[in-house]
C-alpha atoms as a PDB file:
ATOM      1  CA  MET A   1      99.164  82.350 120.792  1.00  0.00           C
ATOM      2  CA  LYS A   2     101.795  85.342 121.093  1.00  0.00           C
ATOM      3  CA  PHE A   3     100.670  88.594 118.993  1.00  0.00           C
ATOM      4  CA  ILE A   4     103.432  88.344 116.849  1.00  0.00           C
ATOM      5  CA  ASN A   5     103.120  84.768 115.645  1.00  0.00           C
ATOM      6  CA  ILE A   6      99.662  85.821 114.530  1.00  0.00           C
ATOM      7  CA  PHE A   7     100.812  88.839 112.982  1.00  0.00           C
ATOM      8  CA  THR A   8     103.200  87.330 111.018  1.00  0.00           C
ATOM      9  CA  LEU A   9     101.097  84.068 110.181  1.00  0.00           C
ATOM     10  CA  VAL A  10      98.740  86.808 108.596  1.00  0.00           C
ATOM     11  CA  LEU A  11     101.333  88.494 106.977  1.00  0.00           C
ATOM     12  CA  VAL A  12     102.836  84.816 105.349  1.00  0.00           C
ATOM     13  CA  ILE A  13      99.199  84.056 104.566  1.00  0.00           C
ATOM     14  CA  ILE A  14      99.035  87.654 102.554  1.00  0.00           C
ATOM     15  CA  GLY A  15     102.282  86.366 100.832  1.00  0.00           C
ATOM     16  CA  GLY A  16     101.045  83.220  99.400  1.00  0.00           C
ATOM     17  CA  LEU A  17      97.907  84.463  98.260  1.00  0.00           C
ATOM     18  CA  ASN A  18      99.900  87.240  96.356  1.00  0.00           C
ATOM     19  CA  TRP A  19     101.759  84.489  95.319  1.00  0.00           C
ATOM     20  CA  GLY A  20      99.212  82.778  94.237  1.00  0.00           C
ATOM     21  CA  LEU A  21      97.641  85.137  92.380  1.00  0.00           C
ATOM     22  CA  VAL A  22     101.027  85.726  90.728  1.00  0.00           C
ATOM     23  CA  GLY A  23     101.320  82.255  89.398  1.00  0.00           C
ATOM     24  CA  LEU A  24      97.298  81.735  88.556  1.00  0.00           C
ATOM     25  CA  PHE A  25      97.126  85.217  86.296  1.00  0.00           C
ATOM     26  CA  GLY A  26     100.392  86.988  86.451  1.00  0.00           C
ATOM     27  CA  PHE A  27      98.853  89.946  88.913  1.00  0.00           C
ATOM     28  CA  ASP A  28     100.539  91.107  91.577  1.00  0.00           C
ATOM     29  CA  LEU A  29      98.385  92.642  94.016  1.00  0.00           C
ATOM     30  CA  VAL A  30     100.852  94.392  96.232  1.00  0.00           C
ATOM     31  CA  ALA A  31     102.370  96.186  93.551  1.00  0.00           C
ATOM     32  CA  ALA A  32      99.122  96.821  92.159  1.00  0.00           C
ATOM     33  CA  ILE A  33      98.117  98.451  95.317  1.00  0.00           C
ATOM     34  CA  PHE A  34     101.033 100.453  96.381  1.00  0.00           C
ATOM     35  CA  GLY A  35     103.028 100.522  93.109  1.00  0.00           C
ATOM     36  CA  ALA A  36     105.306  98.227  91.338  1.00  0.00           C
ATOM     37  CA  GLY A  37     108.636  98.990  92.949  1.00  0.00           C
ATOM     38  CA  SER A  38     107.707 101.419  95.571  1.00  0.00           C
ATOM     39  CA  ALA A  39     109.415 101.301  98.654  1.00  0.00           C
ATOM     40  CA  PHE A  40     106.252 100.787 100.407  1.00  0.00           C
ATOM     41  CA  ALA A  41     105.750  97.773  98.208  1.00  0.00           C
ATOM     42  CA  ARG A  42     109.257  96.542  99.240  1.00  0.00           C
ATOM     43  CA  ILE A  43     108.652  96.945 102.856  1.00  0.00           C
ATOM     44  CA  ILE A  44     105.587  94.871 102.450  1.00  0.00           C
ATOM     45  CA  TYR A  45     107.789  92.183 100.490  1.00  0.00           C
ATOM     46  CA  ILE A  46     110.698  92.214 103.277  1.00  0.00           C
ATOM     47  CA  LEU A  47     107.822  91.969 106.219  1.00  0.00           C
ATOM     48  CA  VAL A  48     106.710  88.916 104.749  1.00  0.00           C
ATOM     49  CA  GLY A  49     110.017  87.265 103.804  1.00  0.00           C
ATOM     50  CA  LEU A  50     111.223  88.004 107.731  1.00  0.00           C
ATOM     51  CA  SER A  51     107.144  86.229 108.646  1.00  0.00           C
ATOM     52  CA  ALA A  52     108.088  83.620 107.112  1.00  0.00           C
ATOM     53  CA  GLY A  53     111.728  83.159 108.881  1.00  0.00           C
ATOM     54  CA  TRP A  54     109.878  83.929 112.098  1.00  0.00           C
ATOM     55  CA  GLN A  55     107.446  81.105 111.316  1.00  0.00           C
ATOM     56  CA  ILE A  56     109.862  79.000 111.620  1.00  0.00           C
ATOM     57  CA  VAL A  57     110.244  78.776 114.970  1.00  0.00           C
ATOM     58  CA  PRO A  58     106.585  77.770 115.829  1.00  0.00           C
ATOM     59  CA  LEU A  59     106.916  74.934 113.651  1.00  0.00           C
ATOM     60  CA  PHE A  60     109.821  73.378 114.998  1.00  0.00           C
ATOM     61  CA  SER A  61     108.552  74.319 118.449  1.00  0.00           C
ATOM     62  CA  ALA A  62     105.579  72.213 117.709  1.00  0.00           C
ATOM     63  CA  MET A  63     107.536  69.624 116.103  1.00  0.00           C
ATOM     64  CA  GLY A  64     109.577  69.222 118.895  1.00  0.00           C
ATOM     65  CA  SER A  65     107.004  68.558 121.512  1.00  0.00           C
ATOM     66  CA  GLY A  66     105.449  65.982 119.474  1.00  0.00           C
ATOM     67  CA  GLY A  67     102.359  68.580 118.954  1.00  0.00           C
ATOM     68  CA  PHE A  68     103.004  68.205 115.193  1.00  0.00           C
ATOM     69  CA  ALA A  69     102.454  64.481 115.052  1.00  0.00           C
ATOM     70  CA  ALA A  70     100.014  64.856 117.238  1.00  0.00           C
ATOM     71  CA  SER A  71      97.370  67.178 114.997  1.00  0.00           C
ATOM     72  CA  GLN A  72      98.424  64.603 112.310  1.00  0.00           C
ATOM     73  CA  ASN A  73      96.617  62.276 113.861  1.00  0.00           C
ATOM     74  CA  ARG A  74      92.934  63.793 114.741  1.00  0.00           C
END
């Protein structure tokens, strides 16, 4: 797997966990670590969003090659 795919997948997972904390407890871990509204927190949010967009590419690639359907049958 390409480094960029692994890196963006990790960022998407971090973002998902952060949103889970926001939804369950009203606690934004990124804002708590880097400061609410700080430039670095905003950069993290932007990178997570871009990573989610990037992860669409391997998703559709797997669906088009039949890899997604094959992995669902296991």
